[in-house]
PDB file of N, CA and C in Angstrom:
ATOM      1  N   MET A   1      -4.091   5.541 -27.234  1.00  0.00           N
ATOM      2  CA  MET A   1      -3.484   4.527 -26.402  1.00  0.00           C
ATOM      3  C   MET A   1      -4.079   3.173 -26.775  1.00  0.00           C
ATOM      4  N   HIS A   2      -3.204   2.219 -26.978  1.00  0.00           N
ATOM      5  CA  HIS A   2      -3.637   0.852 -27.247  1.00  0.00           C
ATOM      6  C   HIS A   2      -3.602   0.074 -25.946  1.00  0.00           C
ATOM      7  N   VAL A   3      -4.689  -0.607 -25.655  1.00  0.00           N
ATOM      8  CA  VAL A   3      -4.749  -1.457 -24.474  1.00  0.00           C
ATOM      9  C   VAL A   3      -5.132  -2.864 -24.887  1.00  0.00           C
ATOM     10  N   ARG A   4      -4.948  -3.739 -23.961  1.00  0.00           N
ATOM     11  CA  ARG A   4      -5.176  -5.155 -24.220  1.00  0.00           C
ATOM     12  C   ARG A   4      -6.103  -5.700 -23.144  1.00  0.00           C
ATOM     13  N   LEU A   5      -7.107  -6.433 -23.525  1.00  0.00           N
ATOM     14  CA  LEU A   5      -8.016  -7.086 -22.601  1.00  0.00           C
ATOM     15  C   LEU A   5      -7.610  -8.550 -22.524  1.00  0.00           C
ATOM     16  N   VAL A   6      -7.267  -8.999 -21.321  1.00  0.00           N
ATOM     17  CA  VAL A   6      -6.879 -10.402 -21.143  1.00  0.00           C
ATOM     18  C   VAL A   6      -7.729 -11.011 -20.044  1.00  0.00           C
ATOM     19  N   ALA A   7      -7.975 -12.298 -20.157  1.00  0.00           N
ATOM     20  CA  ALA A   7      -8.759 -13.018 -19.157  1.00  0.00           C
ATOM     21  C   ALA A   7      -8.098 -14.348 -18.883  1.00  0.00           C
ATOM     22  N   THR A   8      -8.145 -14.744 -17.630  1.00  0.00           N
ATOM     23  CA  THR A   8      -7.616 -16.045 -17.240  1.00  0.00           C
ATOM     24  C   THR A   8      -8.582 -16.682 -16.253  1.00  0.00           C
ATOM     25  N   TYR A   9      -8.716 -17.980 -16.323  1.00  0.00           N
ATOM     26  CA  TYR A   9      -9.639 -18.691 -15.447  1.00  0.00           C
ATOM     27  C   TYR A   9      -8.921 -19.096 -14.177  1.00  0.00           C
ATOM     28  N   ASN A  10      -9.509 -18.738 -13.037  1.00  0.00           N
ATOM     29  CA  ASN A  10      -8.986 -19.122 -11.732  1.00  0.00           C
ATOM     30  C   ASN A  10      -9.777 -20.337 -11.262  1.00  0.00           C
ATOM     31  N   SER A  11      -9.140 -21.497 -11.283  1.00  0.00           N
ATOM     32  CA  SER A  11      -9.846 -22.735 -10.934  1.00  0.00           C
ATOM     33  C   SER A  11     -10.182 -22.827  -9.447  1.00  0.00           C
ATOM     34  N   GLU A  12      -9.407 -22.160  -8.597  1.00  0.00           N
ATOM     35  CA  GLU A  12      -9.716 -22.162  -7.162  1.00  0.00           C
ATOM     36  C   GLU A  12     -10.998 -21.383  -6.871  1.00  0.00           C
ATOM     37  N   GLU A  13     -11.144 -20.228  -7.501  1.00  0.00           N
ATOM     38  CA  GLU A  13     -12.326 -19.392  -7.295  1.00  0.00           C
ATOM     39  C   GLU A  13     -13.452 -19.732  -8.274  1.00  0.00           C
ATOM     40  N   LYS A  14     -13.127 -20.536  -9.271  1.00  0.00           N
ATOM     41  CA  LYS A  14     -14.069 -20.953 -10.308  1.00  0.00           C
ATOM     42  C   LYS A  14     -14.693 -19.747 -11.011  1.00  0.00           C
ATOM     43  N   LYS A  15     -13.819 -18.805 -11.394  1.00  0.00           N
ATOM     44  CA  LYS A  15     -14.289 -17.648 -12.144  1.00  0.00           C
ATOM     45  C   LYS A  15     -13.137 -17.059 -12.947  1.00  0.00           C
ATOM     46  N   TYR A  16     -13.500 -16.234 -13.913  1.00  0.00           N
ATOM     47  CA  TYR A  16     -12.499 -15.569 -14.732  1.00  0.00           C
ATOM     48  C   TYR A  16     -12.036 -14.283 -14.055  1.00  0.00           C
ATOM     49  N   HIS A  17     -10.782 -13.960 -14.239  1.00  0.00           N
ATOM     50  CA  HIS A  17     -10.219 -12.676 -13.839  1.00  0.00           C
ATOM     51  C   HIS A  17      -9.887 -11.951 -15.139  1.00  0.00           C
ATOM     52  N   ILE A  18     -10.376 -10.738 -15.257  1.00  0.00           N
ATOM     53  CA  ILE A  18     -10.213  -9.967 -16.480  1.00  0.00           C
ATOM     54  C   ILE A  18      -9.384  -8.729 -16.173  1.00  0.00           C
ATOM     55  N   TYR A  19      -8.418  -8.461 -17.030  1.00  0.00           N
ATOM     56  CA  TYR A  19      -7.517  -7.327 -16.843  1.00  0.00           C
ATOM     57  C   TYR A  19      -7.446  -6.504 -18.121  1.00  0.00           C
ATOM     58  N   ILE A  20      -7.335  -5.196 -17.938  1.00  0.00           N
ATOM     59  CA  ILE A  20      -7.050  -4.295 -19.050  1.00  0.00           C
ATOM     60  C   ILE A  20      -5.653  -3.756 -18.807  1.00  0.00           C
ATOM     61  N   THR A  21      -4.784  -3.909 -19.788  1.00  0.00           N
ATOM     62  CA  THR A  21      -3.387  -3.539 -19.611  1.00  0.00           C
ATOM     63  C   THR A  21      -2.822  -2.950 -20.890  1.00  0.00           C
ATOM     64  N   ASN A  22      -1.760  -2.203 -20.733  1.00  0.00           N
ATOM     65  CA  ASN A  22      -1.048  -1.704 -21.919  1.00  0.00           C
ATOM     66  C   ASN A  22       0.246  -2.494 -22.140  1.00  0.00           C
ATOM     67  N   ILE A  23       0.424  -3.584 -21.419  1.00  0.00           N
ATOM     68  CA  ILE A  23       1.590  -4.451 -21.580  1.00  0.00           C
ATOM     69  C   ILE A  23       1.387  -5.326 -22.817  1.00  0.00           C
ATOM     70  N   GLN A  24       2.314  -5.267 -23.732  1.00  0.00           N
ATOM     71  CA  GLN A  24       2.199  -6.016 -24.975  1.00  0.00           C
ATOM     72  C   GLN A  24       2.370  -7.516 -24.729  1.00  0.00           C
ATOM     73  N   LYS A  25       1.753  -8.333 -25.587  1.00  0.00           N
ATOM     74  CA  LYS A  25       1.795  -9.784 -25.394  1.00  0.00           C
ATOM     75  C   LYS A  25       3.183 -10.375 -25.593  1.00  0.00           C
ATOM     76  N   ASP A  26       4.068  -9.674 -26.300  1.00  0.00           N
ATOM     77  CA  ASP A  26       5.431 -10.184 -26.438  1.00  0.00           C
ATOM     78  C   ASP A  26       6.284  -9.867 -25.207  1.00  0.00           C
ATOM     79  N   VAL A  27       5.755  -9.051 -24.288  1.00  0.00           N
ATOM     80  CA  VAL A  27       6.463  -8.727 -23.044  1.00  0.00           C
ATOM     81  C   VAL A  27       6.028  -9.675 -21.920  1.00  0.00           C
ATOM     82  N   LEU A  28       4.721  -9.793 -21.720  1.00  0.00           N
ATOM     83  CA  LEU A  28       4.180 -10.690 -20.690  1.00  0.00           C
ATOM     84  C   LEU A  28       2.984 -11.449 -21.254  1.00  0.00           C
ATOM     85  N   ASP A  29       2.898 -12.729 -20.920  1.00  0.00           N
ATOM     86  CA  ASP A  29       1.729 -13.487 -21.344  1.00  0.00           C
ATOM     87  C   ASP A  29       0.614 -13.326 -20.303  1.00  0.00           C
ATOM     88  N   VAL A  30      -0.525 -13.949 -20.558  1.00  0.00           N
ATOM     89  CA  VAL A  30      -1.705 -13.788 -19.713  1.00  0.00           C
ATOM     90  C   VAL A  30      -1.429 -14.210 -18.275  1.00  0.00           C
ATOM     91  N   ASN A  31      -0.772 -15.331 -18.078  1.00  0.00           N
ATOM     92  CA  ASN A  31      -0.510 -15.817 -16.718  1.00  0.00           C
ATOM     93  C   ASN A  31       0.430 -14.891 -15.957  1.00  0.00           C
ATOM     94  N   ASP A  32       1.424 -14.333 -16.646  1.00  0.00           N
ATOM     95  CA  ASP A  32       2.334 -13.391 -16.000  1.00  0.00           C
ATOM     96  C   ASP A  32       1.613 -12.099 -15.614  1.00  0.00           C
ATOM     97  N   ILE A  33       0.706 -11.659 -16.469  1.00  0.00           N
ATOM     98  CA  ILE A  33      -0.073 -10.457 -16.150  1.00  0.00           C
ATOM     99  C   ILE A  33      -0.944 -10.706 -14.929  1.00  0.00           C
ATOM    100  N   ALA A  34      -1.550 -11.865 -14.844  1.00  0.00           N
ATOM    101  CA  ALA A  34      -2.377 -12.199 -13.678  1.00  0.00           C
ATOM    102  C   ALA A  34      -1.536 -12.191 -12.402  1.00  0.00           C
ATOM    103  N   LYS A  35      -0.341 -12.763 -12.454  1.00  0.00           N
ATOM    104  CA  LYS A  35       0.545 -12.761 -11.286  1.00  0.00           C
ATOM    105  C   LYS A  35       0.966 -11.351 -10.911  1.00  0.00           C
ATOM    106  N   LEU A  36       1.267 -10.545 -11.920  1.00  0.00           N
ATOM    107  CA  LEU A  36       1.678  -9.159 -11.684  1.00  0.00           C
ATOM    108  C   LEU A  36       0.559  -8.369 -11.005  1.00  0.00           C
ATOM    109  N   TYR A  37      -0.648  -8.469 -11.515  1.00  0.00           N
ATOM    110  CA  TYR A  37      -1.760  -7.735 -10.936  1.00  0.00           C
ATOM    111  C   TYR A  37      -2.121  -8.254  -9.549  1.00  0.00           C
ATOM    112  N   GLU A  38      -1.945  -9.543  -9.313  1.00  0.00           N
ATOM    113  CA  GLU A  38      -2.170 -10.098  -7.973  1.00  0.00           C
ATOM    114  C   GLU A  38      -1.185  -9.482  -6.971  1.00  0.00           C
ATOM    115  N   ALA A  39       0.076  -9.371  -7.382  1.00  0.00           N
ATOM    116  CA  ALA A  39       1.090  -8.759  -6.517  1.00  0.00           C
ATOM    117  C   ALA A  39       0.790  -7.274  -6.306  1.00  0.00           C
ATOM    118  N   ARG A  40       0.387  -6.585  -7.353  1.00  0.00           N
ATOM    119  CA  ARG A  40       0.047  -5.166  -7.228  1.00  0.00           C
ATOM    120  C   ARG A  40      -1.123  -4.978  -6.269  1.00  0.00           C
ATOM    121  N   TRP A  41      -2.100  -5.886  -6.304  1.00  0.00           N
ATOM    122  CA  TRP A  41      -3.248  -5.787  -5.421  1.00  0.00           C
ATOM    123  C   TRP A  41      -2.813  -5.951  -3.957  1.00  0.00           C
ATOM    124  N   GLU A  42      -1.902  -6.867  -3.703  1.00  0.00           N
ATOM    125  CA  GLU A  42      -1.387  -7.039  -2.342  1.00  0.00           C
ATOM    126  C   GLU A  42      -0.698  -5.772  -1.847  1.00  0.00           C
ATOM    127  N   ILE A  43       0.037  -5.119  -2.733  1.00  0.00           N
ATOM    128  CA  ILE A  43       0.702  -3.858  -2.377  1.00  0.00           C
ATOM    129  C   ILE A  43      -0.337  -2.787  -2.071  1.00  0.00           C
ATOM    130  N   GLU A  44      -1.386  -2.711  -2.884  1.00  0.00           N
ATOM    131  CA  GLU A  44      -2.456  -1.739  -2.630  1.00  0.00           C
ATOM    132  C   GLU A  44      -3.106  -1.980  -1.272  1.00  0.00           C
ATOM    133  N   LEU A  45      -3.354  -3.242  -0.939  1.00  0.00           N
ATOM    134  CA  LEU A  45      -3.948  -3.554   0.359  1.00  0.00           C
ATOM    135  C   LEU A  45      -3.021  -3.178   1.505  1.00  0.00           C
ATOM    136  N   LEU A  46      -1.723  -3.392   1.321  1.00  0.00           N
ATOM    137  CA  LEU A  46      -0.746  -3.001   2.342  1.00  0.00           C
ATOM    138  C   LEU A  46      -0.774  -1.493   2.554  1.00  0.00           C
ATOM    139  N   PHE A  47      -0.759  -0.710   1.480  1.00  0.00           N
ATOM    140  CA  PHE A  47      -0.788   0.738   1.624  1.00  0.00           C
ATOM    141  C   PHE A  47      -2.100   1.217   2.239  1.00  0.00           C
ATOM    142  N   LYS A  48      -3.203   0.561   1.900  1.00  0.00           N
ATOM    143  CA  LYS A  48      -4.484   0.923   2.512  1.00  0.00           C
ATOM    144  C   LYS A  48      -4.418   0.701   4.023  1.00  0.00           C
ATOM    145  N   GLU A  49      -3.858  -0.423   4.441  1.00  0.00           N
ATOM    146  CA  GLU A  49      -3.699  -0.723   5.866  1.00  0.00           C
ATOM    147  C   GLU A  49      -2.774   0.282   6.538  1.00  0.00           C
ATOM    148  N   LEU A  50      -1.685   0.625   5.884  1.00  0.00           N
ATOM    149  CA  LEU A  50      -0.740   1.584   6.462  1.00  0.00           C
ATOM    150  C   LEU A  50      -1.377   2.954   6.626  1.00  0.00           C
ATOM    151  N   LYS A  51      -2.181   3.369   5.649  1.00  0.00           N
ATOM    152  CA  LYS A  51      -2.818   4.677   5.746  1.00  0.00           C
ATOM    153  C   LYS A  51      -3.901   4.695   6.810  1.00  0.00           C
ATOM    154  N   SER A  52      -4.709   3.637   6.890  1.00  0.00           N
ATOM    155  CA  SER A  52      -5.808   3.643   7.848  1.00  0.00           C
ATOM    156  C   SER A  52      -5.357   3.272   9.259  1.00  0.00           C
ATOM    157  N   GLY A  53      -4.487   2.288   9.376  1.00  0.00           N
ATOM    158  CA  GLY A  53      -4.071   1.830  10.696  1.00  0.00           C
ATOM    159  C   GLY A  53      -2.963   2.637  11.332  1.00  0.00           C
ATOM    160  N   TYR A  54      -2.161   3.295  10.516  1.00  0.00           N
ATOM    161  CA  TYR A  54      -1.001   4.018  11.032  1.00  0.00           C
ATOM    162  C   TYR A  54      -1.032   5.504  10.680  1.00  0.00           C
ATOM    163  N   ALA A  55      -2.097   5.943  10.023  1.00  0.00           N
ATOM    164  CA  ALA A  55      -2.300   7.342   9.653  1.00  0.00           C
ATOM    165  C   ALA A  55      -1.101   7.920   8.899  1.00  0.00           C
ATOM    166  N   LEU A  56      -0.499   7.114   8.036  1.00  0.00           N
ATOM    167  CA  LEU A  56       0.650   7.597   7.276  1.00  0.00           C
ATOM    168  C   LEU A  56       0.277   8.679   6.270  1.00  0.00           C
ATOM    169  N   ASP A  57      -0.998   8.752   5.926  1.00  0.00           N
ATOM    170  CA  ASP A  57      -1.419   9.805   5.011  1.00  0.00           C
ATOM    171  C   ASP A  57      -1.585  11.152   5.709  1.00  0.00           C
ATOM    172  N   GLU A  58      -1.381  11.172   7.034  1.00  0.00           N
ATOM    173  CA  GLU A  58      -1.545  12.404   7.799  1.00  0.00           C
ATOM    174  C   GLU A  58      -0.242  12.872   8.446  1.00  0.00           C
ATOM    175  N   LEU A  59       0.886  12.393   7.979  1.00  0.00           N
ATOM    176  CA  LEU A  59       2.164  12.825   8.546  1.00  0.00           C
ATOM    177  C   LEU A  59       2.368  14.312   8.288  1.00  0.00           C
ATOM    178  N   ASP A  60       2.754  15.015   9.334  1.00  0.00           N
ATOM    179  CA  ASP A  60       2.932  16.465   9.226  1.00  0.00           C
ATOM    180  C   ASP A  60       4.414  16.806   9.149  1.00  0.00           C
ATOM    181  N   THR A  61       5.080  16.249   8.150  1.00  0.00           N
ATOM    182  CA  THR A  61       6.500  16.518   7.956  1.00  0.00           C
ATOM    183  C   THR A  61       6.846  16.375   6.482  1.00  0.00           C
ATOM    184  N   LYS A  62       7.885  17.038   6.089  1.00  0.00           N
ATOM    185  CA  LYS A  62       8.407  16.873   4.733  1.00  0.00           C
ATOM    186  C   LYS A  62       9.806  16.281   4.779  1.00  0.00           C
ATOM    187  N   ASN A  63      10.232  15.903   5.968  1.00  0.00           N
ATOM    188  CA  ASN A  63      11.551  15.319   6.159  1.00  0.00           C
ATOM    189  C   ASN A  63      11.533  13.876   5.641  1.00  0.00           C
ATOM    190  N   VAL A  64      12.292  13.618   4.609  1.00  0.00           N
ATOM    191  CA  VAL A  64      12.294  12.312   3.951  1.00  0.00           C
ATOM    192  C   VAL A  64      12.723  11.200   4.912  1.00  0.00           C
ATOM    193  N   GLN A  65      13.681  11.463   5.772  1.00  0.00           N
ATOM    194  CA  GLN A  65      14.151  10.442   6.715  1.00  0.00           C
ATOM    195  C   GLN A  65      13.061  10.069   7.714  1.00  0.00           C
ATOM    196  N   ILE A  66      12.301  11.045   8.184  1.00  0.00           N
ATOM    197  CA  ILE A  66      11.214  10.753   9.129  1.00  0.00           C
ATOM    198  C   ILE A  66      10.114   9.953   8.441  1.00  0.00           C
ATOM    199  N   ILE A  67       9.759  10.355   7.241  1.00  0.00           N
ATOM    200  CA  ILE A  67       8.724   9.633   6.494  1.00  0.00           C
ATOM    201  C   ILE A  67       9.172   8.199   6.240  1.00  0.00           C
ATOM    202  N   SER A  68      10.406   8.027   5.815  1.00  0.00           N
ATOM    203  CA  SER A  68      10.946   6.692   5.569  1.00  0.00           C
ATOM    204  C   SER A  68      10.928   5.851   6.839  1.00  0.00           C
ATOM    205  N   ALA A  69      11.302   6.426   7.952  1.00  0.00           N
ATOM    206  CA  ALA A  69      11.304   5.699   9.224  1.00  0.00           C
ATOM    207  C   ALA A  69       9.893   5.261   9.605  1.00  0.00           C
ATOM    208  N   PHE A  70       8.902   6.145   9.448  1.00  0.00           N
ATOM    209  CA  PHE A  70       7.514   5.786   9.747  1.00  0.00           C
ATOM    210  C   PHE A  70       7.036   4.652   8.849  1.00  0.00           C
ATOM    211  N   ILE A  71       7.345   4.741   7.566  1.00  0.00           N
ATOM    212  CA  ILE A  71       6.903   3.706   6.634  1.00  0.00           C
ATOM    213  C   ILE A  71       7.534   2.359   6.991  1.00  0.00           C
ATOM    214  N   TRP A  72       8.858   2.331   7.199  1.00  0.00           N
ATOM    215  CA  TRP A  72       9.533   1.071   7.523  1.00  0.00           C
ATOM    216  C   TRP A  72       9.060   0.499   8.855  1.00  0.00           C
ATOM    217  N   THR A  73       8.833   1.360   9.838  1.00  0.00           N
ATOM    218  CA  THR A  73       8.324   0.894  11.133  1.00  0.00           C
ATOM    219  C   THR A  73       6.945   0.275  10.970  1.00  0.00           C
ATOM    220  N   SER A  74       6.101   0.902  10.186  1.00  0.00           N
ATOM    221  CA  SER A  74       4.756   0.383   9.964  1.00  0.00           C
ATOM    222  C   SER A  74       4.780  -0.953   9.223  1.00  0.00           C
ATOM    223  N   ILE A  75       5.639  -1.051   8.205  1.00  0.00           N
ATOM    224  CA  ILE A  75       5.762  -2.301   7.456  1.00  0.00           C
ATOM    225  C   ILE A  75       6.287  -3.420   8.363  1.00  0.00           C
ATOM    226  N   LEU A  76       7.284  -3.110   9.168  1.00  0.00           N
ATOM    227  CA  LEU A  76       7.843  -4.135  10.060  1.00  0.00           C
ATOM    228  C   LEU A  76       6.825  -4.631  11.078  1.00  0.00           C
ATOM    229  N   THR A  77       5.944  -3.755  11.551  1.00  0.00           N
ATOM    230  CA  THR A  77       4.926  -4.231  12.486  1.00  0.00           C
ATOM    231  C   THR A  77       3.904  -5.111  11.792  1.00  0.00           C
ATOM    232  N   GLN A  78       3.735  -4.935  10.480  1.00  0.00           N
ATOM    233  CA  GLN A  78       2.832  -5.812   9.716  1.00  0.00           C
ATOM    234  C   GLN A  78       3.413  -7.210   9.549  1.00  0.00           C
ATOM    235  N   VAL A  79       4.737  -7.291   9.490  1.00  0.00           N
ATOM    236  CA  VAL A  79       5.388  -8.582   9.299  1.00  0.00           C
ATOM    237  C   VAL A  79       5.266  -9.373  10.579  1.00  0.00           C
TER     238      VAL A  79
END
């Protein structure tokens, strides 16, 4: 597997952000990768909140409609 190490300077935080990715440079440049990973991190934090605050990781059902309803209800309460 070929991976790429990219770094970008965040002037607000006054530090570098370093990413390891398999996205080729002709697909996304460094700034786009930083934006992508920032968005992915926000999604990870949302799922962490949903699992801990709403116990979505402990649902005792396999019914897709019920799971979907719980997820959407939890997301809407976050908004």
